[in-house]
Amino acid sequence: KGSSKGHTPREAKDNLKSSQMLSVIDAISEGPIEGPVDGLKSVLLNSTPVLDSEGNTNISGVTVVFRAGEQEQTPPEGFESSGSET
């Protein structure tokens, strides 16, 4: 037999912490280039610039490593090999 008193469900406070990390190589040229015109203002994630027009952070925790596309350049740290998955 159940209790005649009703129970109001409550959502517990979020006590789980999680973090995600994404590493991406974006090839945009077949040779040497100058680089992003406005630095992190030119880097968009889901159509949102990392920095706004005033230089304030829209998306925190973003690090960009630029390579000009020259033959003698070293690979970015963490990308010693490449692969593709579909």
PDB file of N, CA and C in Angstrom:
ATOM      1  N   LYS A   1       0.839  -1.184   0.000  1.00  0.00           N
ATOM      2  CA  LYS A   1       0.000   0.000   0.000  1.00  0.00           C
ATOM      3  C   LYS A   1       0.880   1.243   0.000  1.00  0.00           C
ATOM      4  N   GLY A   2       0.478   2.236  -0.777  1.00  0.00           N
ATOM      5  CA  GLY A   2       1.239   3.470  -0.860  1.00  0.00           C
ATOM      6  C   GLY A   2       0.817   4.462   0.190  1.00  0.00           C
ATOM      7  N   SER A   3       1.657   5.427   0.403  1.00  0.00           N
ATOM      8  CA  SER A   3       1.362   6.487   1.358  1.00  0.00           C
ATOM      9  C   SER A   3       0.314   7.419   0.757  1.00  0.00           C
ATOM     10  N   SER A   4      -0.515   7.967   1.581  1.00  0.00           N
ATOM     11  CA  SER A   4      -1.529   8.897   1.093  1.00  0.00           C
ATOM     12  C   SER A   4      -0.935  10.285   0.843  1.00  0.00           C
ATOM     13  N   LYS A   5       0.259  10.523   1.372  1.00  0.00           N
ATOM     14  CA  LYS A   5       0.945  11.795   1.164  1.00  0.00           C
ATOM     15  C   LYS A   5       1.618  11.792  -0.205  1.00  0.00           C
ATOM     16  N   GLY A   6       1.443  12.856  -0.966  1.00  0.00           N
ATOM     17  CA  GLY A   6       2.099  12.974  -2.263  1.00  0.00           C
ATOM     18  C   GLY A   6       3.558  13.371  -2.110  1.00  0.00           C
ATOM     19  N   HIS A   7       4.351  12.999  -3.067  1.00  0.00           N
ATOM     20  CA  HIS A   7       5.782  13.338  -3.050  1.00  0.00           C
ATOM     21  C   HIS A   7       6.080  14.239  -4.239  1.00  0.00           C
ATOM     22  N   THR A   8       6.667  15.373  -3.988  1.00  0.00           N
ATOM     23  CA  THR A   8       7.053  16.280  -5.063  1.00  0.00           C
ATOM     24  C   THR A   8       8.495  15.995  -5.442  1.00  0.00           C
ATOM     25  N   PRO A   9       8.717  15.538  -6.673  1.00  0.00           N
ATOM     26  CA  PRO A   9      10.093  15.250  -7.085  1.00  0.00           C
ATOM     27  C   PRO A   9      10.910  16.536  -7.189  1.00  0.00           C
ATOM     28  N   ARG A  10      12.179  16.449  -6.839  1.00  0.00           N
ATOM     29  CA  ARG A  10      13.098  17.579  -6.940  1.00  0.00           C
ATOM     30  C   ARG A  10      14.336  17.137  -7.692  1.00  0.00           C
ATOM     31  N   GLU A  11      14.834  18.021  -8.497  1.00  0.00           N
ATOM     32  CA  GLU A  11      16.054  17.726  -9.237  1.00  0.00           C
ATOM     33  C   GLU A  11      17.251  18.025  -8.344  1.00  0.00           C
ATOM     34  N   ALA A  12      18.150  17.055  -8.237  1.00  0.00           N
ATOM     35  CA  ALA A  12      19.349  17.237  -7.413  1.00  0.00           C
ATOM     36  C   ALA A  12      20.273  18.253  -8.070  1.00  0.00           C
ATOM     37  N   LYS A  13      21.011  18.983  -7.249  1.00  0.00           N
ATOM     38  CA  LYS A  13      21.992  19.933  -7.774  1.00  0.00           C
ATOM     39  C   LYS A  13      23.028  19.182  -8.596  1.00  0.00           C
ATOM     40  N   ASP A  14      23.512  19.848  -9.625  1.00  0.00           N
ATOM     41  CA  ASP A  14      24.527  19.241 -10.486  1.00  0.00           C
ATOM     42  C   ASP A  14      25.840  19.158  -9.718  1.00  0.00           C
ATOM     43  N   ASN A  15      26.275  17.954  -9.421  1.00  0.00           N
ATOM     44  CA  ASN A  15      27.533  17.785  -8.698  1.00  0.00           C
ATOM     45  C   ASN A  15      28.558  17.023  -9.535  1.00  0.00           C
ATOM     46  N   LEU A  16      28.270  16.905 -10.827  1.00  0.00           N
ATOM     47  CA  LEU A  16      29.212  16.226 -11.718  1.00  0.00           C
ATOM     48  C   LEU A  16      30.010  17.264 -12.484  1.00  0.00           C
ATOM     49  N   LYS A  17      31.260  17.024 -12.614  1.00  0.00           N
ATOM     50  CA  LYS A  17      32.105  17.927 -13.388  1.00  0.00           C
ATOM     51  C   LYS A  17      32.620  17.154 -14.591  1.00  0.00           C
ATOM     52  N   SER A  18      32.674  17.824 -15.716  1.00  0.00           N
ATOM     53  CA  SER A  18      33.153  17.169 -16.919  1.00  0.00           C
ATOM     54  C   SER A  18      33.905  18.185 -17.759  1.00  0.00           C
ATOM     55  N   SER A  19      34.834  17.719 -18.511  1.00  0.00           N
ATOM     56  CA  SER A  19      35.544  18.597 -19.432  1.00  0.00           C
ATOM     57  C   SER A  19      35.763  17.848 -20.733  1.00  0.00           C
ATOM     58  N   GLN A  20      35.814  18.586 -21.801  1.00  0.00           N
ATOM     59  CA  GLN A  20      36.029  18.009 -23.116  1.00  0.00           C
ATOM     60  C   GLN A  20      37.168  18.752 -23.780  1.00  0.00           C
ATOM     61  N   MET A  21      37.898  18.045 -24.608  1.00  0.00           N
ATOM     62  CA  MET A  21      38.989  18.663 -25.345  1.00  0.00           C
ATOM     63  C   MET A  21      38.894  18.217 -26.787  1.00  0.00           C
ATOM     64  N   LEU A  22      39.053  19.140 -27.701  1.00  0.00           N
ATOM     65  CA  LEU A  22      38.998  18.850 -29.121  1.00  0.00           C
ATOM     66  C   LEU A  22      40.255  19.398 -29.764  1.00  0.00           C
ATOM     67  N   SER A  23      40.924  18.574 -30.538  1.00  0.00           N
ATOM     68  CA  SER A  23      42.090  19.017 -31.298  1.00  0.00           C
ATOM     69  C   SER A  23      41.742  18.899 -32.775  1.00  0.00           C
ATOM     70  N   VAL A  24      41.944  19.982 -33.516  1.00  0.00           N
ATOM     71  CA  VAL A  24      41.558  20.029 -34.924  1.00  0.00           C
ATOM     72  C   VAL A  24      42.687  20.632 -35.739  1.00  0.00           C
ATOM     73  N   ILE A  25      42.928  20.062 -36.907  1.00  0.00           N
ATOM     74  CA  ILE A  25      43.802  20.706 -37.890  1.00  0.00           C
ATOM     75  C   ILE A  25      42.906  21.138 -39.033  1.00  0.00           C
ATOM     76  N   ASP A  26      42.978  22.404 -39.386  1.00  0.00           N
ATOM     77  CA  ASP A  26      42.175  22.946 -40.474  1.00  0.00           C
ATOM     78  C   ASP A  26      43.129  23.443 -41.551  1.00  0.00           C
ATOM     79  N   ALA A  27      43.208  22.725 -42.657  1.00  0.00           N
ATOM     80  CA  ALA A  27      44.080  23.116 -43.765  1.00  0.00           C
ATOM     81  C   ALA A  27      43.299  24.052 -44.680  1.00  0.00           C
ATOM     82  N   ILE A  28      43.804  25.272 -44.854  1.00  0.00           N
ATOM     83  CA  ILE A  28      43.063  26.254 -45.642  1.00  0.00           C
ATOM     84  C   ILE A  28      43.817  26.732 -46.877  1.00  0.00           C
ATOM     85  N   SER A  29      44.990  26.157 -47.149  1.00  0.00           N
ATOM     86  CA  SER A  29      45.785  26.628 -48.277  1.00  0.00           C
ATOM     87  C   SER A  29      46.737  25.532 -48.741  1.00  0.00           C
ATOM     88  N   GLU A  30      47.182  25.638 -49.985  1.00  0.00           N
ATOM     89  CA  GLU A  30      48.179  24.705 -50.518  1.00  0.00           C
ATOM     90  C   GLU A  30      49.542  25.363 -50.632  1.00  0.00           C
ATOM     91  N   GLY A  31      49.855  26.257 -49.783  1.00  0.00           N
ATOM     92  CA  GLY A  31      51.146  26.933 -49.817  1.00  0.00           C
ATOM     93  C   GLY A  31      51.186  28.017 -48.762  1.00  0.00           C
ATOM     94  N   PRO A  32      52.286  28.768 -48.723  1.00  0.00           N
ATOM     95  CA  PRO A  32      52.446  29.803 -47.703  1.00  0.00           C
ATOM     96  C   PRO A  32      51.326  30.849 -47.732  1.00  0.00           C
ATOM     97  N   ILE A  33      50.879  31.234 -46.532  1.00  0.00           N
ATOM     98  CA  ILE A  33      49.861  32.277 -46.381  1.00  0.00           C
ATOM     99  C   ILE A  33      50.270  33.206 -45.243  1.00  0.00           C
ATOM    100  N   GLU A  34      49.602  34.333 -45.127  1.00  0.00           N
ATOM    101  CA  GLU A  34      49.904  35.337 -44.107  1.00  0.00           C
ATOM    102  C   GLU A  34      49.374  34.959 -42.728  1.00  0.00           C
ATOM    103  N   GLY A  35      48.201  34.377 -42.652  1.00  0.00           N
ATOM    104  CA  GLY A  35      47.595  34.039 -41.370  1.00  0.00           C
ATOM    105  C   GLY A  35      46.235  34.683 -41.213  1.00  0.00           C
ATOM    106  N   PRO A  36      45.565  34.440 -40.086  1.00  0.00           N
ATOM    107  CA  PRO A  36      44.244  35.037 -39.858  1.00  0.00           C
ATOM    108  C   PRO A  36      44.339  36.565 -39.843  1.00  0.00           C
ATOM    109  N   VAL A  37      43.427  37.228 -40.535  1.00  0.00           N
ATOM    110  CA  VAL A  37      43.458  38.684 -40.669  1.00  0.00           C
ATOM    111  C   VAL A  37      43.372  39.387 -39.313  1.00  0.00           C
ATOM    112  N   ASP A  38      42.456  38.937 -38.452  1.00  0.00           N
ATOM    113  CA  ASP A  38      42.251  39.577 -37.147  1.00  0.00           C
ATOM    114  C   ASP A  38      42.533  38.634 -35.988  1.00  0.00           C
ATOM    115  N   GLY A  39      43.498  37.742 -36.126  1.00  0.00           N
ATOM    116  CA  GLY A  39      43.827  36.818 -35.046  1.00  0.00           C
ATOM    117  C   GLY A  39      42.632  35.985 -34.628  1.00  0.00           C
ATOM    118  N   LEU A  40      42.366  35.901 -33.323  1.00  0.00           N
ATOM    119  CA  LEU A  40      41.262  35.077 -32.821  1.00  0.00           C
ATOM    120  C   LEU A  40      39.883  35.646 -33.153  1.00  0.00           C
ATOM    121  N   LYS A  41      39.812  36.887 -33.613  1.00  0.00           N
ATOM    122  CA  LYS A  41      38.534  37.421 -34.097  1.00  0.00           C
ATOM    123  C   LYS A  41      38.152  36.734 -35.406  1.00  0.00           C
ATOM    124  N   SER A  42      39.146  36.209 -36.123  1.00  0.00           N
ATOM    125  CA  SER A  42      38.908  35.525 -37.393  1.00  0.00           C
ATOM    126  C   SER A  42      38.637  34.036 -37.222  1.00  0.00           C
ATOM    127  N   VAL A  43      38.780  33.518 -36.017  1.00  0.00           N
ATOM    128  CA  VAL A  43      38.536  32.096 -35.753  1.00  0.00           C
ATOM    129  C   VAL A  43      37.100  31.948 -35.254  1.00  0.00           C
ATOM    130  N   LEU A  44      36.290  31.209 -36.016  1.00  0.00           N
ATOM    131  CA  LEU A  44      34.877  31.042 -35.684  1.00  0.00           C
ATOM    132  C   LEU A  44      34.589  29.613 -35.275  1.00  0.00           C
ATOM    133  N   LEU A  45      33.817  29.442 -34.224  1.00  0.00           N
ATOM    134  CA  LEU A  45      33.307  28.145 -33.803  1.00  0.00           C
ATOM    135  C   LEU A  45      31.793  28.245 -33.806  1.00  0.00           C
ATOM    136  N   ASN A  46      31.152  27.463 -34.663  1.00  0.00           N
ATOM    137  CA  ASN A  46      29.695  27.515 -34.814  1.00  0.00           C
ATOM    138  C   ASN A  46      29.238  28.949 -35.103  1.00  0.00           C
ATOM    139  N   SER A  47      29.942  29.620 -36.014  1.00  0.00           N
ATOM    140  CA  SER A  47      29.653  30.992 -36.461  1.00  0.00           C
ATOM    141  C   SER A  47      29.878  32.066 -35.391  1.00  0.00           C
ATOM    142  N   THR A  48      30.517  31.718 -34.279  1.00  0.00           N
ATOM    143  CA  THR A  48      30.812  32.688 -33.220  1.00  0.00           C
ATOM    144  C   THR A  48      32.314  32.920 -33.163  1.00  0.00           C
ATOM    145  N   PRO A  49      32.769  34.175 -33.299  1.00  0.00           N
ATOM    146  CA  PRO A  49      34.206  34.437 -33.203  1.00  0.00           C
ATOM    147  C   PRO A  49      34.713  34.186 -31.780  1.00  0.00           C
ATOM    148  N   VAL A  50      35.935  33.663 -31.667  1.00  0.00           N
ATOM    149  CA  VAL A  50      36.528  33.408 -30.351  1.00  0.00           C
ATOM    150  C   VAL A  50      36.627  34.713 -29.566  1.00  0.00           C
ATOM    151  N   LEU A  51      37.028  35.798 -30.235  1.00  0.00           N
ATOM    152  CA  LEU A  51      37.055  37.134 -29.620  1.00  0.00           C
ATOM    153  C   LEU A  51      36.070  38.031 -30.356  1.00  0.00           C
ATOM    154  N   ASP A  52      35.360  38.892 -29.616  1.00  0.00           N
ATOM    155  CA  ASP A  52      34.449  39.831 -30.271  1.00  0.00           C
ATOM    156  C   ASP A  52      35.230  41.014 -30.843  1.00  0.00           C
ATOM    157  N   SER A  53      34.528  41.955 -31.468  1.00  0.00           N
ATOM    158  CA  SER A  53      35.187  43.087 -32.129  1.00  0.00           C
ATOM    159  C   SER A  53      35.960  43.979 -31.167  1.00  0.00           C
ATOM    160  N   GLU A  54      35.629  43.934 -29.867  1.00  0.00           N
ATOM    161  CA  GLU A  54      36.333  44.720 -28.851  1.00  0.00           C
ATOM    162  C   GLU A  54      37.508  43.960 -28.237  1.00  0.00           C
ATOM    163  N   GLY A  55      37.671  42.682 -28.626  1.00  0.00           N
ATOM    164  CA  GLY A  55      38.747  41.867 -28.067  1.00  0.00           C
ATOM    165  C   GLY A  55      38.349  41.083 -26.831  1.00  0.00           C
ATOM    166  N   ASN A  56      37.065  41.118 -26.464  1.00  0.00           N
ATOM    167  CA  ASN A  56      36.569  40.338 -25.326  1.00  0.00           C
ATOM    168  C   ASN A  56      36.361  38.884 -25.740  1.00  0.00           C
ATOM    169  N   THR A  57      36.535  37.973 -24.802  1.00  0.00           N
ATOM    170  CA  THR A  57      36.418  36.549 -25.085  1.00  0.00           C
ATOM    171  C   THR A  57      34.959  36.124 -25.197  1.00  0.00           C
ATOM    172  N   ASN A  58      34.606  35.542 -26.356  1.00  0.00           N
ATOM    173  CA  ASN A  58      33.291  34.924 -26.534  1.00  0.00           C
ATOM    174  C   ASN A  58      33.340  33.454 -26.149  1.00  0.00           C
ATOM    175  N   ILE A  59      34.451  32.801 -26.461  1.00  0.00           N
ATOM    176  CA  ILE A  59      34.619  31.371 -26.199  1.00  0.00           C
ATOM    177  C   ILE A  59      35.955  31.198 -25.490  1.00  0.00           C
ATOM    178  N   SER A  60      35.924  30.765 -24.237  1.00  0.00           N
ATOM    179  CA  SER A  60      37.165  30.634 -23.470  1.00  0.00           C
ATOM    180  C   SER A  60      37.814  29.273 -23.695  1.00  0.00           C
ATOM    181  N   GLY A  61      39.098  29.194 -23.405  1.00  0.00           N
ATOM    182  CA  GLY A  61      39.829  27.934 -23.478  1.00  0.00           C
ATOM    183  C   GLY A  61      40.296  27.551 -24.867  1.00  0.00           C
ATOM    184  N   VAL A  62      40.273  28.480 -25.815  1.00  0.00           N
ATOM    185  CA  VAL A  62      40.676  28.180 -27.192  1.00  0.00           C
ATOM    186  C   VAL A  62      42.135  28.575 -27.391  1.00  0.00           C
ATOM    187  N   THR A  63      42.910  27.656 -27.938  1.00  0.00           N
ATOM    188  CA  THR A  63      44.302  27.926 -28.288  1.00  0.00           C
ATOM    189  C   THR A  63      44.464  27.668 -29.779  1.00  0.00           C
ATOM    190  N   VAL A  64      45.063  28.595 -30.488  1.00  0.00           N
ATOM    191  CA  VAL A  64      45.287  28.439 -31.923  1.00  0.00           C
ATOM    192  C   VAL A  64      46.785  28.466 -32.182  1.00  0.00           C
ATOM    193  N   VAL A  65      47.250  27.486 -32.941  1.00  0.00           N
ATOM    194  CA  VAL A  65      48.653  27.431 -33.352  1.00  0.00           C
ATOM    195  C   VAL A  65      48.664  27.580 -34.867  1.00  0.00           C
ATOM    196  N   PHE A  66      49.335  28.608 -35.367  1.00  0.00           N
ATOM    197  CA  PHE A  66      49.350  28.901 -36.798  1.00  0.00           C
ATOM    198  C   PHE A  66      50.612  28.364 -37.461  1.00  0.00           C
ATOM    199  N   ARG A  67      50.444  27.766 -38.621  1.00  0.00           N
ATOM    200  CA  ARG A  67      51.560  27.370 -39.479  1.00  0.00           C
ATOM    201  C   ARG A  67      51.324  28.018 -40.838  1.00  0.00           C
ATOM    202  N   ALA A  68      52.358  28.650 -41.397  1.00  0.00           N
ATOM    203  CA  ALA A  68      52.215  29.403 -42.643  1.00  0.00           C
ATOM    204  C   ALA A  68      52.129  28.528 -43.890  1.00  0.00           C
ATOM    205  N   GLY A  69      52.485  27.262 -43.796  1.00  0.00           N
ATOM    206  CA  GLY A  69      52.419  26.379 -44.958  1.00  0.00           C
ATOM    207  C   GLY A  69      53.736  26.275 -45.709  1.00  0.00           C
ATOM    208  N   GLU A  70      54.841  26.474 -44.999  1.00  0.00           N
ATOM    209  CA  GLU A  70      56.159  26.391 -45.628  1.00  0.00           C
ATOM    210  C   GLU A  70      56.704  24.975 -45.523  1.00  0.00           C
ATOM    211  N   GLN A  71      57.556  24.584 -46.466  1.00  0.00           N
ATOM    212  CA  GLN A  71      58.065  23.211 -46.526  1.00  0.00           C
ATOM    213  C   GLN A  71      58.831  22.790 -45.281  1.00  0.00           C
ATOM    214  N   GLU A  72      59.609  23.679 -44.695  1.00  0.00           N
ATOM    215  CA  GLU A  72      60.473  23.313 -43.568  1.00  0.00           C
ATOM    216  C   GLU A  72      59.793  23.415 -42.209  1.00  0.00           C
ATOM    217  N   GLN A  73      58.525  23.746 -42.150  1.00  0.00           N
ATOM    218  CA  GLN A  73      57.869  23.938 -40.854  1.00  0.00           C
ATOM    219  C   GLN A  73      57.718  22.620 -40.104  1.00  0.00           C
ATOM    220  N   THR A  74      57.691  22.715 -38.787  1.00  0.00           N
ATOM    221  CA  THR A  74      57.494  21.530 -37.948  1.00  0.00           C
ATOM    222  C   THR A  74      55.997  21.302 -37.745  1.00  0.00           C
ATOM    223  N   PRO A  75      55.599  20.057 -37.510  1.00  0.00           N
ATOM    224  CA  PRO A  75      54.175  19.818 -37.251  1.00  0.00           C
ATOM    225  C   PRO A  75      53.783  20.395 -35.888  1.00  0.00           C
ATOM    226  N   PRO A  76      52.539  20.806 -35.735  1.00  0.00           N
ATOM    227  CA  PRO A  76      52.094  21.297 -34.423  1.00  0.00           C
ATOM    228  C   PRO A  76      52.199  20.191 -33.377  1.00  0.00           C
ATOM    229  N   GLU A  77      52.531  20.565 -32.153  1.00  0.00           N
ATOM    230  CA  GLU A  77      52.641  19.596 -31.063  1.00  0.00           C
ATOM    231  C   GLU A  77      51.311  18.864 -30.880  1.00  0.00           C
ATOM    232  N   GLY A  78      51.375  17.553 -30.724  1.00  0.00           N
ATOM    233  CA  GLY A  78      50.170  16.755 -30.541  1.00  0.00           C
ATOM    234  C   GLY A  78      49.609  16.187 -31.824  1.00  0.00           C
ATOM    235  N   PHE A  79      50.208  16.540 -32.965  1.00  0.00           N
ATOM    236  CA  PHE A  79      49.745  16.052 -34.260  1.00  0.00           C
ATOM    237  C   PHE A  79      50.897  15.399 -35.021  1.00  0.00           C
ATOM    238  N   GLU A  80      51.499  14.390 -34.411  1.00  0.00           N
ATOM    239  CA  GLU A  80      52.634  13.729 -35.043  1.00  0.00           C
ATOM    240  C   GLU A  80      52.195  12.860 -36.221  1.00  0.00           C
ATOM    241  N   SER A  81      50.937  12.467 -36.247  1.00  0.00           N
ATOM    242  CA  SER A  81      50.412  11.671 -37.357  1.00  0.00           C
ATOM    243  C   SER A  81      49.007  12.167 -37.677  1.00  0.00           C
ATOM    244  N   SER A  82      48.464  11.690 -38.769  1.00  0.00           N
ATOM    245  CA  SER A  82      47.107  12.100 -39.128  1.00  0.00           C
ATOM    246  C   SER A  82      46.269  10.879 -39.459  1.00  0.00           C
ATOM    247  N   GLY A  83      44.975  11.052 -39.446  1.00  0.00           N
ATOM    248  CA  GLY A  83      44.060   9.960 -39.759  1.00  0.00           C
ATOM    249  C   GLY A  83      42.707  10.519 -40.138  1.00  0.00           C
ATOM    250  N   SER A  84      41.868   9.645 -40.658  1.00  0.00           N
ATOM    251  CA  SER A  84      40.530  10.047 -41.060  1.00  0.00           C
ATOM    252  C   SER A  84      39.550   8.943 -40.712  1.00  0.00           C
ATOM    253  N   GLU A  85      38.421   9.324 -40.162  1.00  0.00           N
ATOM    254  CA  GLU A  85      37.395   8.359 -39.786  1.00  0.00           C
ATOM    255  C   GLU A  85      36.066   8.828 -40.333  1.00  0.00           C
ATOM    256  N   THR A  86      35.311   7.907 -40.916  1.00  0.00           N
ATOM    257  CA  THR A  86      34.005   8.280 -41.466  1.00  0.00           C
ATOM    258  C   THR A  86      32.907   7.516 -40.774  1.00  0.00           C
TER     259      THR A  86
END
